Amino acid sequence: MALHIQSVPSLEGRVHPDEWTARVELAACYRVFAMLGWTEMIYNHITLRLPASVSGDDKQFLINPFGLHYSEVTASNLVKINLQGEVLDGSPHPVNPAGFTVHGAIHDALPDAHCVMHTHTTAGVAVACLQGGLQQTNFYSAQLHDMVAYHDFEGITIHADEAPRLLHSIGQKPAVILRNHGLLAWGHTVPQTFAILWTLQRACEIQLATLSMGAAIPVPESVAARCTRDALQFNPNHGAGRDVFDAMVRQVHRVDEGYRA
């Protein structure tokens, strides 16, 4: 039996240039996640809030079409929705309610949360399930000093009444561990958010490997604070992750340019 992806016509030249730029960058990010193995079949989300030049006063954002693997996401099949999850671009694809419930709340409440990423990687979920969460014991966790928030597990994130509690848990911290659930990051741009999430993911991977061998060596708080000040990968004064993100997109592009369609 042949299985077909419902195709959509290219939106290039049919939407605002700023929206098209956002679509291409977000589609590229989905492909980067697929390349890194940060996928959970057809689940999880990366969302990007559209600039005011596109949406005016309304808060609108792009999200993946539910039912497609990250490797199938393209600039044109991304779905434009509002905070209520209503489809605004006539897309034939549905949207997973968990996407706009959590992501919409963050996009709405945090002015700098233009991009939100959420994963269920093995290392991320494992640390999220661990009593004590992320430990200050490795090179990567030291770069996230005082940047990590925790939110207690309340079940599948489809209930709007959880949003105020989630936002209270996050505060202004851009790296979030959803207990018993997974990882989340938010930032001003796709590259910055990617750099934050990548650092959090690596910290979890190293912790998972370390604890499998024995007790870890703690990093003093003063050293971790200095590491975070010195870290370059998500610092706005040093490109905020743009160089590393572009390098990953180039790898995707060499293999398959289809994300730009």
C-alpha atoms as a PDB file:
ATOM      1  CA  MET A   1       0.000   0.000   0.000  1.00  0.00           C
ATOM      2  CA  ALA A   2       1.430   3.365  -1.004  1.00  0.00           C
ATOM      3  CA  LEU A   3       1.472   6.031   1.682  1.00  0.00           C
ATOM      4  CA  HIS A   4       1.309   9.613   0.503  1.00  0.00           C
ATOM      5  CA  ILE A   5       2.011  12.885   2.261  1.00  0.00           C
ATOM      6  CA  GLN A   6      -0.734  15.394   1.569  1.00  0.00           C
ATOM      7  CA  SER A   7       1.086  17.981  -0.496  1.00  0.00           C
ATOM      8  CA  VAL A   8       0.537  21.702  -0.276  1.00  0.00           C
ATOM      9  CA  PRO A   9       1.426  24.251  -2.961  1.00  0.00           C
ATOM     10  CA  SER A  10       4.545  26.293  -2.403  1.00  0.00           C
ATOM     11  CA  LEU A  11       3.914  29.474  -0.464  1.00  0.00           C
ATOM     12  CA  GLU A  12       7.031  31.211  -1.750  1.00  0.00           C
ATOM     13  CA  GLY A  13       5.985  34.545  -3.207  1.00  0.00           C
ATOM     14  CA  ARG A  14       2.476  34.150  -1.790  1.00  0.00           C
ATOM     15  CA  VAL A  15       3.194  35.192   1.783  1.00  0.00           C
ATOM     16  CA  HIS A  16       4.983  38.159   3.324  1.00  0.00           C
ATOM     17  CA  PRO A  17       8.768  37.901   2.737  1.00  0.00           C
ATOM     18  CA  ASP A  18       9.377  37.928   6.493  1.00  0.00           C
ATOM     19  CA  GLU A  19       7.007  35.001   6.912  1.00  0.00           C
ATOM     20  CA  TRP A  20       8.735  33.053   4.151  1.00  0.00           C
ATOM     21  CA  THR A  21      12.136  33.666   5.762  1.00  0.00           C
ATOM     22  CA  ALA A  22      10.752  32.408   9.078  1.00  0.00           C
ATOM     23  CA  ARG A  23       9.244  29.356   7.407  1.00  0.00           C
ATOM     24  CA  VAL A  24      12.506  28.361   5.732  1.00  0.00           C
ATOM     25  CA  GLU A  25      14.518  28.774   8.924  1.00  0.00           C
ATOM     26  CA  LEU A  26      12.020  26.798  11.020  1.00  0.00           C
ATOM     27  CA  ALA A  27      11.761  24.018   8.431  1.00  0.00           C
ATOM     28  CA  ALA A  28      15.561  23.809   8.404  1.00  0.00           C
ATOM     29  CA  CYS A  29      15.512  23.496  12.192  1.00  0.00           C
ATOM     30  CA  TYR A  30      13.111  20.562  12.021  1.00  0.00           C
ATOM     31  CA  ARG A  31      15.491  18.840   9.602  1.00  0.00           C
ATOM     32  CA  VAL A  32      18.436  19.545  11.936  1.00  0.00           C
ATOM     33  CA  PHE A  33      16.512  17.886  14.782  1.00  0.00           C
ATOM     34  CA  ALA A  34      15.846  14.880  12.536  1.00  0.00           C
ATOM     35  CA  MET A  35      19.534  14.667  11.652  1.00  0.00           C
ATOM     36  CA  LEU A  36      20.470  14.745  15.352  1.00  0.00           C
ATOM     37  CA  GLY A  37      17.872  12.108  16.256  1.00  0.00           C
ATOM     38  CA  TRP A  38      15.900  14.527  18.443  1.00  0.00           C
ATOM     39  CA  THR A  39      12.604  13.117  17.205  1.00  0.00           C
ATOM     40  CA  GLU A  40       9.728  11.248  18.828  1.00  0.00           C
ATOM     41  CA  MET A  41       7.982   9.711  15.812  1.00  0.00           C
ATOM     42  CA  ILE A  42       5.446  12.426  14.805  1.00  0.00           C
ATOM     43  CA  TYR A  43       5.304  14.129  18.207  1.00  0.00           C
ATOM     44  CA  ASN A  44       6.876  17.187  19.871  1.00  0.00           C
ATOM     45  CA  HIS A  45       7.162  20.678  18.461  1.00  0.00           C
ATOM     46  CA  ILE A  46       9.366  23.574  17.482  1.00  0.00           C
ATOM     47  CA  THR A  47       7.393  26.802  17.112  1.00  0.00           C
ATOM     48  CA  LEU A  48       8.317  30.255  15.896  1.00  0.00           C
ATOM     49  CA  ARG A  49       6.337  33.403  16.576  1.00  0.00           C
ATOM     50  CA  LEU A  50       5.896  35.527  13.471  1.00  0.00           C
ATOM     51  CA  PRO A  51       7.145  39.122  13.531  1.00  0.00           C
ATOM     52  CA  ALA A  52       4.733  42.050  13.788  1.00  0.00           C
ATOM     53  CA  SER A  53       5.417  42.855  10.121  1.00  0.00           C
ATOM     54  CA  VAL A  54       3.460  39.688   9.325  1.00  0.00           C
ATOM     55  CA  SER A  55       0.914  39.362  12.112  1.00  0.00           C
ATOM     56  CA  GLY A  56       0.257  42.979  13.059  1.00  0.00           C
ATOM     57  CA  ASP A  57      -0.960  43.130  16.635  1.00  0.00           C
ATOM     58  CA  ASP A  58      -2.007  39.463  16.731  1.00  0.00           C
ATOM     59  CA  LYS A  59       0.316  36.795  18.084  1.00  0.00           C
ATOM     60  CA  GLN A  60       0.683  34.134  15.440  1.00  0.00           C
ATOM     61  CA  PHE A  61       3.178  31.336  15.185  1.00  0.00           C
ATOM     62  CA  LEU A  62       4.287  28.494  12.935  1.00  0.00           C
ATOM     63  CA  ILE A  63       4.087  24.867  14.040  1.00  0.00           C
ATOM     64  CA  ASN A  64       4.690  21.475  12.452  1.00  0.00           C
ATOM     65  CA  PRO A  65       1.798  19.712  10.701  1.00  0.00           C
ATOM     66  CA  PHE A  66       0.647  16.882  12.955  1.00  0.00           C
ATOM     67  CA  GLY A  67       1.191  13.490  11.391  1.00  0.00           C
ATOM     68  CA  LEU A  68       4.459  14.269   9.627  1.00  0.00           C
ATOM     69  CA  HIS A  69       7.914  13.232  10.756  1.00  0.00           C
ATOM     70  CA  TYR A  70      10.375  16.076  11.249  1.00  0.00           C
ATOM     71  CA  SER A  71      12.217  14.916   8.119  1.00  0.00           C
ATOM     72  CA  GLU A  72       9.046  15.662   6.112  1.00  0.00           C
ATOM     73  CA  VAL A  73       8.526  19.239   7.299  1.00  0.00           C
ATOM     74  CA  THR A  74       8.934  21.936   4.662  1.00  0.00           C
ATOM     75  CA  ALA A  75       8.627  25.705   4.612  1.00  0.00           C
ATOM     76  CA  SER A  76       5.244  25.494   2.883  1.00  0.00           C
ATOM     77  CA  ASN A  77       3.626  22.734   4.952  1.00  0.00           C
ATOM     78  CA  LEU A  78       4.310  24.428   8.293  1.00  0.00           C
ATOM     79  CA  VAL A  79       0.994  25.551   9.748  1.00  0.00           C
ATOM     80  CA  LYS A  80       0.289  29.143  10.815  1.00  0.00           C
ATOM     81  CA  ILE A  81      -1.964  29.311  13.885  1.00  0.00           C
ATOM     82  CA  ASN A  82      -3.047  31.783  16.545  1.00  0.00           C
ATOM     83  CA  LEU A  83      -2.993  31.388  20.322  1.00  0.00           C
ATOM     84  CA  GLN A  84      -6.289  29.509  20.216  1.00  0.00           C
ATOM     85  CA  GLY A  85      -4.867  26.929  17.815  1.00  0.00           C
ATOM     86  CA  GLU A  86      -6.946  28.179  14.890  1.00  0.00           C
ATOM     87  CA  VAL A  87      -5.364  27.551  11.473  1.00  0.00           C
ATOM     88  CA  LEU A  88      -4.821  30.844   9.658  1.00  0.00           C
ATOM     89  CA  ASP A  89      -3.276  29.804   6.352  1.00  0.00           C
ATOM     90  CA  GLY A  90      -5.783  27.272   5.022  1.00  0.00           C
ATOM     91  CA  SER A  91      -3.460  24.340   5.716  1.00  0.00           C
ATOM     92  CA  PRO A  92      -5.060  20.904   5.231  1.00  0.00           C
ATOM     93  CA  HIS A  93      -2.955  19.523   8.078  1.00  0.00           C
ATOM     94  CA  PRO A  94      -4.155  19.213  11.677  1.00  0.00           C
ATOM     95  CA  VAL A  95      -2.267  20.566  14.686  1.00  0.00           C
ATOM     96  CA  ASN A  96      -1.490  18.618  17.862  1.00  0.00           C
ATOM     97  CA  PRO A  97      -3.322  20.308  20.794  1.00  0.00           C
ATOM     98  CA  ALA A  98      -0.271  19.839  23.029  1.00  0.00           C
ATOM     99  CA  GLY A  99       1.616  22.158  20.702  1.00  0.00           C
ATOM    100  CA  PHE A 100      -0.513  25.265  20.990  1.00  0.00           C
ATOM    101  CA  THR A 101      -1.422  24.695  24.649  1.00  0.00           C
ATOM    102  CA  VAL A 102       2.165  24.871  25.921  1.00  0.00           C
ATOM    103  CA  HIS A 103       3.849  26.794  23.134  1.00  0.00           C
ATOM    104  CA  GLY A 104       1.023  29.283  22.749  1.00  0.00           C
ATOM    105  CA  ALA A 105       1.102  30.108  26.460  1.00  0.00           C
ATOM    106  CA  ILE A 106       4.849  30.780  26.338  1.00  0.00           C
ATOM    107  CA  HIS A 107       4.688  32.788  23.121  1.00  0.00           C
ATOM    108  CA  ASP A 108       1.861  34.851  24.576  1.00  0.00           C
ATOM    109  CA  ALA A 109       3.334  35.581  28.010  1.00  0.00           C
ATOM    110  CA  LEU A 110       7.090  35.931  27.422  1.00  0.00           C
ATOM    111  CA  PRO A 111       7.979  38.827  25.090  1.00  0.00           C
ATOM    112  CA  ASP A 112      11.379  37.331  24.200  1.00  0.00           C
ATOM    113  CA  ALA A 113      10.028  33.838  23.541  1.00  0.00           C
ATOM    114  CA  HIS A 114       9.925  34.086  19.766  1.00  0.00           C
ATOM    115  CA  CYS A 115      10.993  30.445  19.457  1.00  0.00           C
ATOM    116  CA  VAL A 116      10.067  27.458  21.649  1.00  0.00           C
ATOM    117  CA  MET A 117      11.533  23.946  21.325  1.00  0.00           C
ATOM    118  CA  HIS A 118      10.451  20.775  23.111  1.00  0.00           C
ATOM    119  CA  THR A 119      12.031  17.298  23.015  1.00  0.00           C
ATOM    120  CA  HIS A 120      11.617  13.826  24.491  1.00  0.00           C
ATOM    121  CA  THR A 121      15.178  12.581  24.012  1.00  0.00           C
ATOM    122  CA  THR A 122      16.235   9.607  26.112  1.00  0.00           C
ATOM    123  CA  ALA A 123      18.819  11.609  28.047  1.00  0.00           C
ATOM    124  CA  GLY A 124      16.454  14.544  28.521  1.00  0.00           C
ATOM    125  CA  VAL A 125      13.557  12.461  29.803  1.00  0.00           C
ATOM    126  CA  ALA A 126      15.891  10.410  32.006  1.00  0.00           C
ATOM    127  CA  VAL A 127      17.213  13.510  33.774  1.00  0.00           C
ATOM    128  CA  ALA A 128      13.678  14.904  33.973  1.00  0.00           C
ATOM    129  CA  CYS A 129      12.690  11.726  35.837  1.00  0.00           C
ATOM    130  CA  LEU A 130      15.664  11.873  38.200  1.00  0.00           C
ATOM    131  CA  GLN A 131      15.249  13.062  41.761  1.00  0.00           C
ATOM    132  CA  GLY A 132      17.259  16.281  41.850  1.00  0.00           C
ATOM    133  CA  GLY A 133      17.183  16.762  38.084  1.00  0.00           C
ATOM    134  CA  LEU A 134      20.227  18.235  36.386  1.00  0.00           C
ATOM    135  CA  GLN A 135      23.355  18.182  38.514  1.00  0.00           C
ATOM    136  CA  GLN A 136      26.101  20.807  38.430  1.00  0.00           C
ATOM    137  CA  THR A 137      28.750  18.268  37.486  1.00  0.00           C
ATOM    138  CA  ASN A 138      29.886  18.777  33.902  1.00  0.00           C
ATOM    139  CA  PHE A 139      31.149  21.244  31.326  1.00  0.00           C
ATOM    140  CA  TYR A 140      27.705  21.751  29.795  1.00  0.00           C
ATOM    141  CA  SER A 141      25.609  22.043  32.937  1.00  0.00           C
ATOM    142  CA  ALA A 142      28.129  24.630  34.169  1.00  0.00           C
ATOM    143  CA  GLN A 143      27.207  26.834  31.197  1.00  0.00           C
ATOM    144  CA  LEU A 144      23.577  26.855  32.328  1.00  0.00           C
ATOM    145  CA  HIS A 145      24.119  28.191  35.825  1.00  0.00           C
ATOM    146  CA  ASP A 146      20.894  29.777  37.107  1.00  0.00           C
ATOM    147  CA  MET A 147      19.281  29.294  33.676  1.00  0.00           C
ATOM    148  CA  VAL A 148      17.324  26.088  34.333  1.00  0.00           C
ATOM    149  CA  ALA A 149      13.716  26.006  35.522  1.00  0.00           C
ATOM    150  CA  TYR A 150      11.623  22.997  36.576  1.00  0.00           C
ATOM    151  CA  HIS A 151       7.926  22.328  36.134  1.00  0.00           C
ATOM    152  CA  ASP A 152       6.162  19.443  37.879  1.00  0.00           C
ATOM    153  CA  PHE A 153       4.429  16.825  35.778  1.00  0.00           C
ATOM    154  CA  GLU A 154       0.656  17.269  35.421  1.00  0.00           C
ATOM    155  CA  GLY A 155      -0.004  14.753  32.645  1.00  0.00           C
ATOM    156  CA  ILE A 156      -0.310  15.293  28.901  1.00  0.00           C
ATOM    157  CA  THR A 157      -0.084  19.015  28.262  1.00  0.00           C
ATOM    158  CA  ILE A 158      -3.431  19.653  26.581  1.00  0.00           C
ATOM    159  CA  HIS A 159      -5.252  21.453  29.395  1.00  0.00           C
ATOM    160  CA  ALA A 160      -5.212  25.247  29.272  1.00  0.00           C
ATOM    161  CA  ASP A 161      -5.476  25.596  33.044  1.00  0.00           C
ATOM    162  CA  GLU A 162      -1.888  24.330  33.371  1.00  0.00           C
ATOM    163  CA  ALA A 163      -0.510  27.350  31.501  1.00  0.00           C
ATOM    164  CA  PRO A 164      -0.349  29.789  34.471  1.00  0.00           C
ATOM    165  CA  ARG A 165       1.474  27.221  36.589  1.00  0.00           C
ATOM    166  CA  LEU A 166       3.886  26.443  33.765  1.00  0.00           C
ATOM    167  CA  LEU A 167       4.656  30.129  33.284  1.00  0.00           C
ATOM    168  CA  HIS A 168       5.164  30.587  37.014  1.00  0.00           C
ATOM    169  CA  SER A 169       7.607  27.663  37.014  1.00  0.00           C
ATOM    170  CA  ILE A 170       9.552  29.065  34.049  1.00  0.00           C
ATOM    171  CA  GLY A 171       9.830  32.644  35.237  1.00  0.00           C
ATOM    172  CA  GLN A 172      12.510  34.119  32.968  1.00  0.00           C
ATOM    173  CA  LYS A 173      14.707  31.014  32.704  1.00  0.00           C
ATOM    174  CA  PRO A 174      15.173  29.858  29.093  1.00  0.00           C
ATOM    175  CA  ALA A 175      16.135  26.211  29.776  1.00  0.00           C
ATOM    176  CA  VAL A 176      13.282  24.177  31.236  1.00  0.00           C
ATOM    177  CA  ILE A 177      13.123  20.624  32.546  1.00  0.00           C
ATOM    178  CA  LEU A 178       9.565  19.349  32.510  1.00  0.00           C
ATOM    179  CA  ARG A 179       9.705  16.769  35.285  1.00  0.00           C
ATOM    180  CA  ASN A 180       8.959  13.187  34.216  1.00  0.00           C
ATOM    181  CA  HIS A 181       8.441  14.538  30.709  1.00  0.00           C
ATOM    182  CA  GLY A 182      11.308  16.135  28.772  1.00  0.00           C
ATOM    183  CA  LEU A 183      13.210  19.286  27.880  1.00  0.00           C
ATOM    184  CA  LEU A 184      12.090  22.702  26.670  1.00  0.00           C
ATOM    185  CA  ALA A 185      13.941  25.846  25.647  1.00  0.00           C
ATOM    186  CA  TRP A 186      12.868  29.272  24.488  1.00  0.00           C
ATOM    187  CA  GLY A 187      14.723  32.232  23.069  1.00  0.00           C
ATOM    188  CA  HIS A 188      14.673  35.327  20.934  1.00  0.00           C
ATOM    189  CA  THR A 189      15.665  33.480  17.740  1.00  0.00           C
ATOM    190  CA  VAL A 190      15.759  29.953  16.351  1.00  0.00           C
ATOM    191  CA  PRO A 191      19.594  29.789  16.575  1.00  0.00           C
ATOM    192  CA  GLN A 192      19.695  31.059  20.165  1.00  0.00           C
ATOM    193  CA  THR A 193      16.995  28.635  21.278  1.00  0.00           C
ATOM    194  CA  PHE A 194      18.768  25.784  19.495  1.00  0.00           C
ATOM    195  CA  ALA A 195      22.038  26.628  21.252  1.00  0.00           C
ATOM    196  CA  ILE A 196      20.333  26.652  24.656  1.00  0.00           C
ATOM    197  CA  LEU A 197      18.580  23.342  24.018  1.00  0.00           C
ATOM    198  CA  TRP A 198      21.727  21.739  22.583  1.00  0.00           C
ATOM    199  CA  THR A 199      23.673  22.707  25.708  1.00  0.00           C
ATOM    200  CA  LEU A 200      20.923  21.351  27.970  1.00  0.00           C
ATOM    201  CA  GLN A 201      20.733  18.147  25.940  1.00  0.00           C
ATOM    202  CA  ARG A 202      24.515  17.631  26.117  1.00  0.00           C
ATOM    203  CA  ALA A 203      24.483  18.276  29.867  1.00  0.00           C
ATOM    204  CA  CYS A 204      21.857  15.553  30.246  1.00  0.00           C
ATOM    205  CA  GLU A 205      23.760  13.122  28.025  1.00  0.00           C
ATOM    206  CA  ILE A 206      26.978  13.578  29.998  1.00  0.00           C
ATOM    207  CA  GLN A 207      25.136  13.241  33.310  1.00  0.00           C
ATOM    208  CA  LEU A 208      23.468  10.042  32.103  1.00  0.00           C
ATOM    209  CA  ALA A 209      26.856   8.589  31.134  1.00  0.00           C
ATOM    210  CA  THR A 210      28.552   9.776  34.326  1.00  0.00           C
ATOM    211  CA  LEU A 211      25.971   8.366  36.713  1.00  0.00           C
ATOM    212  CA  SER A 212      26.159   5.003  34.945  1.00  0.00           C
ATOM    213  CA  MET A 213      29.771   4.780  36.152  1.00  0.00           C
ATOM    214  CA  GLY A 214      29.514   6.205  39.655  1.00  0.00           C
ATOM    215  CA  ALA A 215      29.414   9.428  41.631  1.00  0.00           C
ATOM    216  CA  ALA A 216      30.120  12.672  39.775  1.00  0.00           C
ATOM    217  CA  ILE A 217      32.548  15.422  40.780  1.00  0.00           C
ATOM    218  CA  PRO A 218      30.547  18.568  41.619  1.00  0.00           C
ATOM    219  CA  VAL A 219      31.370  21.879  39.953  1.00  0.00           C
ATOM    220  CA  PRO A 220      31.533  24.733  42.497  1.00  0.00           C
ATOM    221  CA  GLU A 221      28.799  27.347  42.069  1.00  0.00           C
ATOM    222  CA  SER A 222      31.359  30.129  41.583  1.00  0.00           C
ATOM    223  CA  VAL A 223      33.021  28.214  38.743  1.00  0.00           C
ATOM    224  CA  ALA A 224      29.687  27.419  37.109  1.00  0.00           C
ATOM    225  CA  ALA A 225      28.636  31.070  37.309  1.00  0.00           C
ATOM    226  CA  ARG A 226      31.859  32.073  35.584  1.00  0.00           C
ATOM    227  CA  CYS A 227      31.356  29.413  32.900  1.00  0.00           C
ATOM    228  CA  THR A 228      27.926  30.779  32.122  1.00  0.00           C
ATOM    229  CA  ARG A 229      29.286  34.320  31.841  1.00  0.00           C
ATOM    230  CA  ASP A 230      32.064  33.108  29.544  1.00  0.00           C
ATOM    231  CA  ALA A 231      29.894  30.859  27.353  1.00  0.00           C
ATOM    232  CA  LEU A 232      29.623  32.143  23.788  1.00  0.00           C
ATOM    233  CA  GLN A 233      27.113  29.902  22.057  1.00  0.00           C
ATOM    234  CA  PHE A 234      23.909  31.657  23.121  1.00  0.00           C
ATOM    235  CA  ASN A 235      25.310  35.053  24.120  1.00  0.00           C
ATOM    236  CA  PRO A 236      23.791  37.897  22.018  1.00  0.00           C
ATOM    237  CA  ASN A 237      27.199  39.585  21.974  1.00  0.00           C
ATOM    238  CA  HIS A 238      28.686  36.582  20.186  1.00  0.00           C
ATOM    239  CA  GLY A 239      26.069  35.766  17.566  1.00  0.00           C
ATOM    240  CA  ALA A 240      23.568  34.046  19.892  1.00  0.00           C
ATOM    241  CA  GLY A 241      24.078  30.631  18.311  1.00  0.00           C
ATOM    242  CA  ARG A 242      23.894  31.782  14.687  1.00  0.00           C
ATOM    243  CA  ASP A 243      27.252  30.299  13.609  1.00  0.00           C
ATOM    244  CA  VAL A 244      26.610  26.842  15.030  1.00  0.00           C
ATOM    245  CA  PHE A 245      23.017  26.731  13.780  1.00  0.00           C
ATOM    246  CA  ASP A 246      24.050  27.761  10.272  1.00  0.00           C
ATOM    247  CA  ALA A 247      26.730  25.061  10.284  1.00  0.00           C
ATOM    248  CA  MET A 248      24.085  22.442  11.107  1.00  0.00           C
ATOM    249  CA  VAL A 249      21.756  23.758   8.400  1.00  0.00           C
ATOM    250  CA  ARG A 250      24.572  23.477   5.852  1.00  0.00           C
ATOM    251  CA  GLN A 251      24.872  19.787   6.710  1.00  0.00           C
ATOM    252  CA  VAL A 252      21.141  19.313   6.150  1.00  0.00           C
ATOM    253  CA  HIS A 253      21.266  21.329   2.919  1.00  0.00           C
ATOM    254  CA  ARG A 254      24.025  19.157   1.435  1.00  0.00           C
ATOM    255  CA  VAL A 255      21.869  16.072   1.927  1.00  0.00           C
ATOM    256  CA  ASP A 256      18.393  17.383   1.035  1.00  0.00           C
ATOM    257  CA  GLU A 257      17.252  20.874   0.012  1.00  0.00           C
ATOM    258  CA  GLY A 258      13.612  19.831   0.192  1.00  0.00           C
ATOM    259  CA  TYR A 259      12.980  21.716   3.430  1.00  0.00           C
ATOM    260  CA  ARG A 260      12.994  24.956   1.409  1.00  0.00           C
ATOM    261  CA  ALA A 261      10.008  23.904  -0.710  1.00  0.00           C
END
